[in-house]
C-alpha atoms as a PDB file:
ATOM      1  CA  GLN A   1     -22.110   0.538  -3.137  1.00  0.00           C
ATOM      2  CA  PRO A   2     -25.593  -0.792  -3.659  1.00  0.00           C
ATOM      3  CA  ASP A   3     -24.594  -4.407  -3.036  1.00  0.00           C
ATOM      4  CA  ARG A   4     -23.261  -3.448   0.253  1.00  0.00           C
ATOM      5  CA  ASN A   5     -25.883  -0.707   1.252  1.00  0.00           C
ATOM      6  CA  ARG A   6     -23.025   1.565   1.991  1.00  0.00           C
ATOM      7  CA  ARG A   7     -21.712   4.857   0.532  1.00  0.00           C
ATOM      8  CA  TYR A   8     -18.177   5.348  -0.813  1.00  0.00           C
ATOM      9  CA  LEU A   9     -16.377   8.109  -2.450  1.00  0.00           C
ATOM     10  CA  PRO A  10     -15.095   7.588  -5.998  1.00  0.00           C
ATOM     11  CA  ALA A  11     -11.590   8.414  -6.834  1.00  0.00           C
ATOM     12  CA  GLY A  12     -12.497  11.673  -8.482  1.00  0.00           C
ATOM     13  CA  ARG A  13     -13.197  10.209 -11.910  1.00  0.00           C
ATOM     14  CA  ARG A  14     -16.333   9.876 -14.179  1.00  0.00           C
ATOM     15  CA  TRP A  15     -15.365   6.583 -15.474  1.00  0.00           C
ATOM     16  CA  ILE A  16     -15.492   3.213 -13.765  1.00  0.00           C
ATOM     17  CA  PHE A  17     -13.589  -0.060 -14.497  1.00  0.00           C
ATOM     18  CA  PRO A  18     -15.750  -2.340 -16.676  1.00  0.00           C
ATOM     19  CA  ARG A  19     -17.155  -5.675 -15.743  1.00  0.00           C
ATOM     20  CA  PRO A  20     -15.697  -8.762 -17.810  1.00  0.00           C
ATOM     21  CA  ASP A  21     -18.745  -8.484 -19.942  1.00  0.00           C
ATOM     22  CA  GLY A  22     -17.711  -4.918 -20.943  1.00  0.00           C
ATOM     23  CA  LYS A  23     -20.484  -3.078 -19.148  1.00  0.00           C
ATOM     24  CA  ARG A  24     -19.731  -0.676 -16.349  1.00  0.00           C
ATOM     25  CA  ASP A  25     -19.415  -2.042 -12.850  1.00  0.00           C
ATOM     26  CA  THR A  26     -21.386  -0.521  -9.992  1.00  0.00           C
ATOM     27  CA  TRP A  27     -18.483   0.533  -7.896  1.00  0.00           C
ATOM     28  CA  THR A  28     -14.677   0.780  -7.838  1.00  0.00           C
ATOM     29  CA  LEU A  29     -12.418   1.615  -5.038  1.00  0.00           C
ATOM     30  CA  PHE A  30      -8.632   2.492  -5.177  1.00  0.00           C
ATOM     31  CA  GLU A  31      -6.751   1.918  -2.040  1.00  0.00           C
ATOM     32  CA  TRP A  32      -4.843   4.982  -1.177  1.00  0.00           C
ATOM     33  CA  ASP A  33      -7.295   7.188  -2.766  1.00  0.00           C
ATOM     34  CA  ALA A  34      -9.934   5.770  -0.530  1.00  0.00           C
ATOM     35  CA  PHE A  35      -7.982   6.364   2.716  1.00  0.00           C
ATOM     36  CA  PHE A  36      -7.120   9.877   1.699  1.00  0.00           C
ATOM     37  CA  ASN A  37     -10.747  10.513   0.807  1.00  0.00           C
ATOM     38  CA  ALA A  38     -11.713   9.243   4.291  1.00  0.00           C
ATOM     39  CA  LEU A  39      -9.196  11.870   5.877  1.00  0.00           C
ATOM     40  CA  GLU A  40     -10.700  14.684   3.763  1.00  0.00           C
ATOM     41  CA  ALA A  41     -14.405  13.578   4.634  1.00  0.00           C
ATOM     42  CA  THR A  42     -13.543  13.590   8.276  1.00  0.00           C
ATOM     43  CA  VAL A  43     -13.260  17.329   8.318  1.00  0.00           C
ATOM     44  CA  ASP A  44     -16.926  17.816   7.581  1.00  0.00           C
ATOM     45  CA  ASN A  45     -18.647  14.353   7.420  1.00  0.00           C
ATOM     46  CA  TYR A  46     -17.409  11.741   9.706  1.00  0.00           C
ATOM     47  CA  SER A  47     -20.261   9.303   8.911  1.00  0.00           C
ATOM     48  CA  LEU A  48     -19.242   9.408   5.307  1.00  0.00           C
ATOM     49  CA  ALA A  49     -15.509   8.968   6.345  1.00  0.00           C
ATOM     50  CA  ARG A  50     -16.295   5.866   8.489  1.00  0.00           C
ATOM     51  CA  ASP A  51     -18.298   4.373   5.427  1.00  0.00           C
ATOM     52  CA  GLU A  52     -15.343   4.909   3.323  1.00  0.00           C
ATOM     53  CA  ILE A  53     -12.879   3.333   5.666  1.00  0.00           C
ATOM     54  CA  LYS A  54     -15.147   0.221   5.865  1.00  0.00           C
ATOM     55  CA  ALA A  55     -15.551   0.237   2.293  1.00  0.00           C
ATOM     56  CA  VAL A  56     -11.797   0.157   1.488  1.00  0.00           C
ATOM     57  CA  LEU A  57     -10.900  -2.341   4.240  1.00  0.00           C
ATOM     58  CA  ASP A  58     -13.683  -4.697   2.816  1.00  0.00           C
ATOM     59  CA  THR A  59     -11.733  -4.866  -0.524  1.00  0.00           C
ATOM     60  CA  GLN A  60      -8.885  -6.760   1.329  1.00  0.00           C
ATOM     61  CA  TYR A  61      -7.958 -10.139  -0.148  1.00  0.00           C
ATOM     62  CA  PRO A  62      -7.638 -13.032   2.326  1.00  0.00           C
ATOM     63  CA  TRP A  63      -3.784 -12.972   2.055  1.00  0.00           C
ATOM     64  CA  GLY A  64      -3.808  -9.348   3.510  1.00  0.00           C
ATOM     65  CA  ASN A  65      -3.454  -7.279   0.257  1.00  0.00           C
ATOM     66  CA  ILE A  66      -5.652  -4.183   0.163  1.00  0.00           C
ATOM     67  CA  PRO A  67      -5.439  -3.884  -3.645  1.00  0.00           C
ATOM     68  CA  ASN A  68      -4.596  -1.246  -6.041  1.00  0.00           C
ATOM     69  CA  TRP A  69      -8.407  -1.283  -7.167  1.00  0.00           C
ATOM     70  CA  ARG A  70     -11.165  -3.588  -6.671  1.00  0.00           C
ATOM     71  CA  SER A  71     -14.654  -3.356  -8.023  1.00  0.00           C
ATOM     72  CA  ALA A  72     -18.007  -5.327  -7.447  1.00  0.00           C
ATOM     73  CA  SER A  73     -16.684  -8.011  -9.946  1.00  0.00           C
ATOM     74  CA  ASN A  74     -13.002  -7.630 -10.453  1.00  0.00           C
ATOM     75  CA  GLY A  75      -9.802  -6.239  -8.964  1.00  0.00           C
ATOM     76  CA  SER A  76      -5.955  -6.320  -8.739  1.00  0.00           C
ATOM     77  CA  PRO A  77      -5.087  -9.240  -6.571  1.00  0.00           C
ATOM     78  CA  ASP A  78      -1.600  -9.199  -7.757  1.00  0.00           C
ATOM     79  CA  ARG A  79      -0.688  -5.851  -6.429  1.00  0.00           C
ATOM     80  CA  ALA A  80      -1.522  -3.411  -3.554  1.00  0.00           C
ATOM     81  CA  GLN A  81      -1.009   0.395  -3.296  1.00  0.00           C
ATOM     82  CA  PRO A  82       1.150   2.454  -0.797  1.00  0.00           C
ATOM     83  CA  PRO A  83       0.468   1.465   2.908  1.00  0.00           C
ATOM     84  CA  VAL A  84      -1.149   4.614   4.158  1.00  0.00           C
ATOM     85  CA  GLY A  85      -4.198   2.830   5.857  1.00  0.00           C
ATOM     86  CA  ALA A  86      -3.062   2.931   9.369  1.00  0.00           C
ATOM     87  CA  PHE A  87      -1.944   6.623   9.108  1.00  0.00           C
ATOM     88  CA  ALA A  88      -5.515   7.434   7.792  1.00  0.00           C
ATOM     89  CA  VAL A  89      -7.318   5.449  10.382  1.00  0.00           C
ATOM     90  CA  TRP A  90      -5.079   6.827  13.174  1.00  0.00           C
ATOM     91  CA  LYS A  91      -5.573  10.385  12.111  1.00  0.00           C
ATOM     92  CA  THR A  92      -9.306   9.930  11.729  1.00  0.00           C
ATOM     93  CA  TYR A  93      -9.481   8.542  15.118  1.00  0.00           C
ATOM     94  CA  LEU A  94      -7.746  11.396  16.742  1.00  0.00           C
ATOM     95  CA  LYS A  95     -10.523  13.679  15.323  1.00  0.00           C
ATOM     96  CA  SER A  96     -13.402  11.523  15.896  1.00  0.00           C
ATOM     97  CA  LYS A  97     -12.314   9.534  19.107  1.00  0.00           C
ATOM     98  CA  ASP A  98     -14.334   6.782  17.536  1.00  0.00           C
ATOM     99  CA  ARG A  99     -12.857   3.720  19.436  1.00  0.00           C
ATOM    100  CA  GLU A 100     -15.120   1.315  17.835  1.00  0.00           C
ATOM    101  CA  MET A 101     -14.054   2.298  14.408  1.00  0.00           C
ATOM    102  CA  LEU A 102     -10.402   1.793  15.557  1.00  0.00           C
ATOM    103  CA  ALA A 103     -10.997  -1.511  16.956  1.00  0.00           C
ATOM    104  CA  GLU A 104     -12.958  -2.723  14.027  1.00  0.00           C
ATOM    105  CA  SER A 105     -10.168  -1.613  11.474  1.00  0.00           C
ATOM    106  CA  TYR A 106      -7.249  -3.204  13.592  1.00  0.00           C
ATOM    107  CA  SER A 107      -7.291  -6.758  12.292  1.00  0.00           C
ATOM    108  CA  SER A 108      -7.373  -5.669   8.488  1.00  0.00           C
ATOM    109  CA  LEU A 109      -4.666  -3.011   9.023  1.00  0.00           C
ATOM    110  CA  LYS A 110      -2.519  -5.629  10.737  1.00  0.00           C
ATOM    111  CA  LYS A 111      -2.914  -8.108   7.918  1.00  0.00           C
ATOM    112  CA  PHE A 112      -2.161  -5.458   5.364  1.00  0.00           C
ATOM    113  CA  HIS A 113       0.990  -4.506   7.333  1.00  0.00           C
ATOM    114  CA  ALA A 114       2.209  -8.045   7.288  1.00  0.00           C
ATOM    115  CA  PHE A 115       1.292  -8.462   3.579  1.00  0.00           C
ATOM    116  CA  TRP A 116       4.467  -6.316   2.630  1.00  0.00           C
ATOM    117  CA  LYS A 117       6.996  -8.750   4.159  1.00  0.00           C
ATOM    118  CA  TYR A 118       5.278 -12.221   4.243  1.00  0.00           C
ATOM    119  CA  SER A 119       3.544 -14.603   1.988  1.00  0.00           C
ATOM    120  CA  PRO A 120       2.049 -18.054   2.019  1.00  0.00           C
ATOM    121  CA  PRO A 121       4.540 -20.860   1.412  1.00  0.00           C
ATOM    122  CA  GLY A 122       5.051 -21.608  -2.285  1.00  0.00           C
ATOM    123  CA  GLU A 123       3.993 -18.190  -3.503  1.00  0.00           C
ATOM    124  CA  SER A 124       6.050 -15.125  -4.358  1.00  0.00           C
ATOM    125  CA  PRO A 125       7.904 -13.683  -1.418  1.00  0.00           C
ATOM    126  CA  GLY A 126       6.734 -10.454   0.261  1.00  0.00           C
ATOM    127  CA  ARG A 127       8.063  -7.273  -1.198  1.00  0.00           C
ATOM    128  CA  ASP A 128      11.514  -7.900   0.031  1.00  0.00           C
ATOM    129  CA  GLY A 129      12.628  -9.694  -3.039  1.00  0.00           C
ATOM    130  CA  ASN A 130      16.482  -9.740  -2.109  1.00  0.00           C
ATOM    131  CA  GLN A 131      15.848 -10.508   1.534  1.00  0.00           C
ATOM    132  CA  ASN A 132      17.812  -7.480   2.862  1.00  0.00           C
ATOM    133  CA  ARG A 133      15.049  -6.134   5.032  1.00  0.00           C
ATOM    134  CA  LEU A 134      14.207  -3.332   2.474  1.00  0.00           C
ATOM    135  CA  LEU A 135      11.202  -3.317   0.402  1.00  0.00           C
ATOM    136  CA  GLU A 136      10.450  -3.156  -3.340  1.00  0.00           C
ATOM    137  CA  TRP A 137       7.272  -2.394  -5.273  1.00  0.00           C
ATOM    138  CA  GLY A 138       5.941  -5.525  -6.993  1.00  0.00           C
ATOM    139  CA  SER A 139       3.227  -7.719  -8.540  1.00  0.00           C
ATOM    140  CA  ASP A 140       2.327 -11.364  -7.799  1.00  0.00           C
ATOM    141  CA  THR A 141       2.144 -12.638 -11.420  1.00  0.00           C
ATOM    142  CA  GLU A 142       0.404 -15.844 -10.314  1.00  0.00           C
ATOM    143  CA  ARG A 143      -2.405 -13.796  -8.900  1.00  0.00           C
ATOM    144  CA  ILE A 144      -3.321 -11.964 -12.087  1.00  0.00           C
ATOM    145  CA  PRO A 145      -7.018 -12.751 -12.690  1.00  0.00           C
ATOM    146  CA  GLU A 146      -8.876 -13.564 -15.945  1.00  0.00           C
ATOM    147  CA  GLY A 147     -11.227 -10.983 -17.293  1.00  0.00           C
ATOM    148  CA  ILE A 148      -8.954  -8.055 -16.485  1.00  0.00           C
ATOM    149  CA  PRO A 149      -9.407  -4.734 -18.465  1.00  0.00           C
ATOM    150  CA  SER A 150      -7.950  -4.629 -21.832  1.00  0.00           C
ATOM    151  CA  TRP A 151      -5.168  -2.106 -20.896  1.00  0.00           C
ATOM    152  CA  GLU A 152      -3.954  -4.460 -18.195  1.00  0.00           C
ATOM    153  CA  LYS A 153      -3.498  -7.506 -20.214  1.00  0.00           C
ATOM    154  CA  ASP A 154      -0.219  -6.819 -21.766  1.00  0.00           C
ATOM    155  CA  ALA A 155       1.232  -4.889 -18.914  1.00  0.00           C
ATOM    156  CA  THR A 156       4.805  -5.740 -17.862  1.00  0.00           C
ATOM    157  CA  GLY A 157       5.688  -6.741 -14.310  1.00  0.00           C
ATOM    158  CA  ARG A 158       7.588  -3.518 -13.997  1.00  0.00           C
ATOM    159  CA  GLN A 159       4.577  -1.506 -15.052  1.00  0.00           C
ATOM    160  CA  ARG A 160       2.325  -3.415 -12.577  1.00  0.00           C
ATOM    161  CA  ALA A 161       4.955  -2.727  -9.806  1.00  0.00           C
ATOM    162  CA  ALA A 162       4.801   0.961 -10.829  1.00  0.00           C
ATOM    163  CA  TRP A 163       1.074   0.847 -10.513  1.00  0.00           C
ATOM    164  CA  GLU A 164       1.359  -0.514  -6.914  1.00  0.00           C
ATOM    165  CA  SER A 165       3.429   2.559  -6.021  1.00  0.00           C
ATOM    166  CA  GLY A 166       0.417   4.814  -6.929  1.00  0.00           C
ATOM    167  CA  GLN A 167       3.065   6.851  -8.970  1.00  0.00           C
ATOM    168  CA  ASP A 168       2.317   5.096 -12.167  1.00  0.00           C
ATOM    169  CA  ASP A 169       4.818   6.879 -14.517  1.00  0.00           C
ATOM    170  CA  LEU A 170       7.345   8.048 -11.869  1.00  0.00           C
ATOM    171  CA  PRO A 171      10.758   8.507 -13.770  1.00  0.00           C
ATOM    172  CA  ASN A 172      12.553   6.811 -10.741  1.00  0.00           C
ATOM    173  CA  PHE A 173      11.166   3.392 -12.046  1.00  0.00           C
ATOM    174  CA  ASP A 174      12.335   3.947 -15.737  1.00  0.00           C
ATOM    175  CA  GLY A 175      14.795   1.333 -16.766  1.00  0.00           C
ATOM    176  CA  VAL A 176      14.639  -0.587 -13.540  1.00  0.00           C
ATOM    177  CA  PRO A 177      14.638  -4.431 -13.942  1.00  0.00           C
ATOM    178  CA  PHE A 178      11.870  -6.601 -12.737  1.00  0.00           C
ATOM    179  CA  SER A 179      12.519  -9.912 -11.112  1.00  0.00           C
ATOM    180  CA  GLU A 180       9.974 -12.495 -12.434  1.00  0.00           C
ATOM    181  CA  SER A 181      11.186 -14.982  -9.635  1.00  0.00           C
ATOM    182  CA  THR A 182      10.392 -12.651  -6.761  1.00  0.00           C
ATOM    183  CA  GLY A 183       7.697 -10.512  -8.355  1.00  0.00           C
ATOM    184  CA  THR A 184       9.400  -7.280  -7.440  1.00  0.00           C
ATOM    185  CA  LEU A 185      11.593  -4.500  -8.912  1.00  0.00           C
ATOM    186  CA  MET A 186      15.181  -5.095  -8.482  1.00  0.00           C
ATOM    187  CA  MET A 187      15.612  -1.791  -6.557  1.00  0.00           C
ATOM    188  CA  ASP A 188      15.099  -1.020  -2.992  1.00  0.00           C
ATOM    189  CA  CYS A 189      12.485   1.881  -3.038  1.00  0.00           C
ATOM    190  CA  ILE A 190      12.868   4.774  -0.619  1.00  0.00           C
ATOM    191  CA  ASP A 191       9.126   5.855  -0.944  1.00  0.00           C
ATOM    192  CA  LEU A 192       7.916   2.392  -0.094  1.00  0.00           C
ATOM    193  CA  ASN A 193      10.268   1.941   2.773  1.00  0.00           C
ATOM    194  CA  ALA A 194       9.447   5.344   4.216  1.00  0.00           C
ATOM    195  CA  LEU A 195       5.760   4.733   3.990  1.00  0.00           C
ATOM    196  CA  TYR A 196       6.116   1.297   5.514  1.00  0.00           C
ATOM    197  CA  ILE A 197       8.021   2.804   8.507  1.00  0.00           C
ATOM    198  CA  LEU A 198       5.125   5.295   8.939  1.00  0.00           C
ATOM    199  CA  ASP A 199       2.641   2.323   8.807  1.00  0.00           C
ATOM    200  CA  THR A 200       4.711   0.600  11.487  1.00  0.00           C
ATOM    201  CA  GLU A 201       4.571   3.763  13.655  1.00  0.00           C
ATOM    202  CA  MET A 202       0.902   4.089  13.124  1.00  0.00           C
ATOM    203  CA  MET A 203       0.154   0.516  13.871  1.00  0.00           C
ATOM    204  CA  ARG A 204       2.111   0.854  17.126  1.00  0.00           C
ATOM    205  CA  ASN A 205      -0.002   3.723  18.194  1.00  0.00           C
ATOM    206  CA  ILE A 206      -3.188   1.937  17.435  1.00  0.00           C
ATOM    207  CA  ALA A 207      -2.130  -1.153  19.214  1.00  0.00           C
ATOM    208  CA  ARG A 208      -1.137   1.037  22.289  1.00  0.00           C
ATOM    209  CA  GLU A 209      -4.437   2.795  22.167  1.00  0.00           C
ATOM    210  CA  LEU A 210      -6.361  -0.455  21.977  1.00  0.00           C
ATOM    211  CA  GLY A 211      -4.298  -2.123  24.842  1.00  0.00           C
ATOM    212  CA  LYS A 212      -2.583  -4.542  22.752  1.00  0.00           C
ATOM    213  CA  ILE A 213       0.715  -4.106  24.414  1.00  0.00           C
ATOM    214  CA  SER A 214       2.436  -7.133  22.994  1.00  0.00           C
ATOM    215  CA  ASP A 215       1.656  -6.038  19.433  1.00  0.00           C
ATOM    216  CA  ALA A 216       2.723  -2.451  20.166  1.00  0.00           C
ATOM    217  CA  GLY A 217       6.087  -3.764  21.550  1.00  0.00           C
ATOM    218  CA  GLU A 218       6.699  -5.752  18.141  1.00  0.00           C
ATOM    219  CA  PHE A 219       5.652  -2.745  16.115  1.00  0.00           C
ATOM    220  CA  ASP A 220       8.026  -0.579  18.128  1.00  0.00           C
ATOM    221  CA  ARG A 221      10.894  -2.952  17.568  1.00  0.00           C
ATOM    222  CA  GLU A 222      10.184  -3.138  13.823  1.00  0.00           C
ATOM    223  CA  TYR A 223       9.924   0.588  13.585  1.00  0.00           C
ATOM    224  CA  ARG A 224      13.411   1.220  15.205  1.00  0.00           C
ATOM    225  CA  GLU A 225      14.958  -1.614  13.201  1.00  0.00           C
ATOM    226  CA  MET A 226      13.610  -0.383   9.946  1.00  0.00           C
ATOM    227  CA  VAL A 227      14.773   3.338  10.549  1.00  0.00           C
ATOM    228  CA  ARG A 228      18.210   1.856  11.181  1.00  0.00           C
ATOM    229  CA  VAL A 229      18.271  -0.033   7.914  1.00  0.00           C
ATOM    230  CA  VAL A 230      16.968   2.709   5.753  1.00  0.00           C
ATOM    231  CA  ASN A 231      19.545   5.174   7.241  1.00  0.00           C
ATOM    232  CA  ARG A 232      22.288   2.920   6.552  1.00  0.00           C
ATOM    233  CA  LYS A 233      21.426   1.688   3.258  1.00  0.00           C
ATOM    234  CA  LEU A 234      19.311   4.308   1.526  1.00  0.00           C
ATOM    235  CA  TRP A 235      21.165   7.487   2.772  1.00  0.00           C
ATOM    236  CA  HIS A 236      23.857   8.612   0.312  1.00  0.00           C
ATOM    237  CA  SER A 237      26.337  10.359   2.454  1.00  0.00           C
ATOM    238  CA  GLY A 238      28.134  11.802  -0.571  1.00  0.00           C
ATOM    239  CA  LYS A 239      24.982  13.649  -1.714  1.00  0.00           C
ATOM    240  CA  ASP A 240      23.281  14.029   1.755  1.00  0.00           C
ATOM    241  CA  PHE A 241      20.033  12.692   0.373  1.00  0.00           C
ATOM    242  CA  TYR A 242      17.956   9.584   0.276  1.00  0.00           C
ATOM    243  CA  PHE A 243      17.888   7.687  -3.009  1.00  0.00           C
ATOM    244  CA  ASP A 244      16.453   4.299  -4.362  1.00  0.00           C
ATOM    245  CA  ARG A 245      19.267   1.651  -4.495  1.00  0.00           C
ATOM    246  CA  PHE A 246      19.666  -1.160  -6.950  1.00  0.00           C
ATOM    247  CA  TRP A 247      20.214  -4.655  -5.735  1.00  0.00           C
ATOM    248  CA  PRO A 248      23.885  -4.703  -6.860  1.00  0.00           C
ATOM    249  CA  GLY A 249      24.445  -1.878  -4.438  1.00  0.00           C
ATOM    250  CA  HIS A 250      24.678   1.347  -6.545  1.00  0.00           C
ATOM    251  CA  PHE A 251      22.283   4.145  -5.865  1.00  0.00           C
ATOM    252  CA  SER A 252      19.871   5.567  -8.404  1.00  0.00           C
ATOM    253  CA  THR A 253      20.495   9.070  -9.525  1.00  0.00           C
ATOM    254  CA  ARG A 254      16.833  10.034  -9.981  1.00  0.00           C
ATOM    255  CA  LYS A 255      15.077  12.351  -7.506  1.00  0.00           C
ATOM    256  CA  ALA A 256      11.261  12.980  -6.969  1.00  0.00           C
ATOM    257  CA  ALA A 257       9.159  14.511  -4.429  1.00  0.00           C
ATOM    258  CA  SER A 258       8.744  11.017  -2.877  1.00  0.00           C
ATOM    259  CA  ASN A 259      12.505  11.025  -2.116  1.00  0.00           C
ATOM    260  CA  PHE A 260      11.616  13.398   0.646  1.00  0.00           C
ATOM    261  CA  TYR A 261       9.149  10.801   2.268  1.00  0.00           C
ATOM    262  CA  PRO A 262      11.692  10.034   5.163  1.00  0.00           C
ATOM    263  CA  LEU A 263      10.905  13.427   6.469  1.00  0.00           C
ATOM    264  CA  ILE A 264       7.580  12.064   7.729  1.00  0.00           C
END
């Protein structure tokens, strides 16, 4: 990132998102790609891993969203990507014991955690569109910027929500309605809820390590409550498996690898 005087790891691609004038931008970061890249770099090059963590946290928008992608001149303020940041930072800390990195990352990770359930007054709600304490992937259409890449201009809300999941063409999302009023899929998503619970657990661990006892207590309470809600509402007792569930109450019949996310 020449404008930041900092290194980062590209998301394994030769191409890079263009600037509004059609030329190539100088850098592009994808949220969960970046956090996973940091985890990998920790094995052999912690300095690069720390740069990567700083780089991805620096893409955060003021309302807490660490976006699907962001470049030097553009980004996706309407949507995020899976909440794996606290997991990556905590696992990196366990290997590096870099308490300064942990402390510097905390406020951004806390804002990102809050993004999924809360939003400023007058804007789309957090990713709990039906207010039943379970989350859905989404896209805040009022935040879609001008000058976006051509392939995004005609994308539907459902497609943008699928992009937020990081599993862009997952069959679980085929035919799922999108609510324009809430900016979310009309289906409680097992993958997002499982990863959000993991994020809550990791935030609890980080808060405890940093001596933020009140925060740790809040995260612990949320963790236990979310586990109860997911087990009560997304576990199909007849099939002994976790499934996505449509807002009217019926389960999806689709299975994917991410249906196993509750195992973590």
